[in-house]
Amino acid sequence: MFIIRNRKIFFILSIILVVISLSAVTAWGLNFGIDFTGGSITEVSYTDRPDKEELEKRLSTLPIGGFSLRASGENNYILRTRDLIEEERVAVFTILSLGGTVAMEQERFNSIGPVIGEELRNKALFAIGTVMFAIILFIAFAFRKVSKGVKSWKYGLIAIVALLHDIIIPVGMFAVLGKFIGAEVDVLFVMALLAILGYSVNDTIVVFDRVRENLRNNEERNIREDFEITVGRSLEQTFARSINTSITTALVLITLFVIGAPATQFFALTLLVGIIAGTYSSIFLATPLLVAVSGFKRR
């Protein structure tokens, strides 16, 4: 198959994407939201929304440190600050209402302490690590009887390489978005990463399972076939399924991103990028890696 024969091209493309993503994270870091750093988030709505620059100019006169004011929808503003005491909160609301001269309603006010934020961040990292470790164990167990071509534990290792590829790219995207438009890493972002892990490994296992079936069929029928050919044929048999599933899922996420609520737009975007990366890795990275690490031919 074309993909297997030209696997080095796709390996290089994956390396380029990962290096760019890691460079963005290294250069700019991630803009963690109050879910992980602690602080306050305030959302207000207006009948006639005032000018953003004017509000930022007035807010900068308050002793509240750094803040982020972002438009949401057509009539709302979302303000992120450090944790505010009651007097500071009253002062902020006074400025947001321009001294009571504009009609304004409070949609939400949430406050999270730094200890809770750090605990959430640690739990998020632990959850991602646990999921990836469990995937290795599951795949190694599921493919324990497959020893021809590639040892069973290598299937799990290759799946983890693909999964790392699939989450590094969305993380790099968020580093770029955080730098230029202030996108923040929050609990929804972690949920999106966990969903990407599940979706991507499912797609990868479908191809791997077809490889296992074809190896078993060759064994039962005493068919001698190069491992590379077996893998290529397995990929051809699952290619349409992977693409069609990804396209239908992507269409839903694009719709959610375009017409969905502002609060879920970055969630939908993260899932969309992760699913595209996951589909690519399942077809163009994980399966060709089986051939690359095998060094085995069935003649």
Foldseek 3Di string as FASTA:
>chain_A
DVLLVPLVVLVVVLVVLLVLLVVLCVVQNAAAACLQQWWKKWKKFFPDQDDPVQLVVVLVVDPQPDKDWDDFPDTMIMITTHHDDPVVVVVSVCSNCPNVPTDMDTPDMDTGHRVSNNVVVVVLVVVVVVVLVVQLVVQLVVCCVPDAQHHSSVLSVLLSVLLCSLQSNLSSVNSVCCVPPNDHDHPLLSVLSVVLSVLLSVLLVQLVVLLVVLVVVCVVVVNFWFSSVSSVVSLVVCVVVLVVVLVVLLVVLVVCLPPNGRVCNSSSVSNNSSSVSSSCCSRSNSSSVSNVPRPHGGD
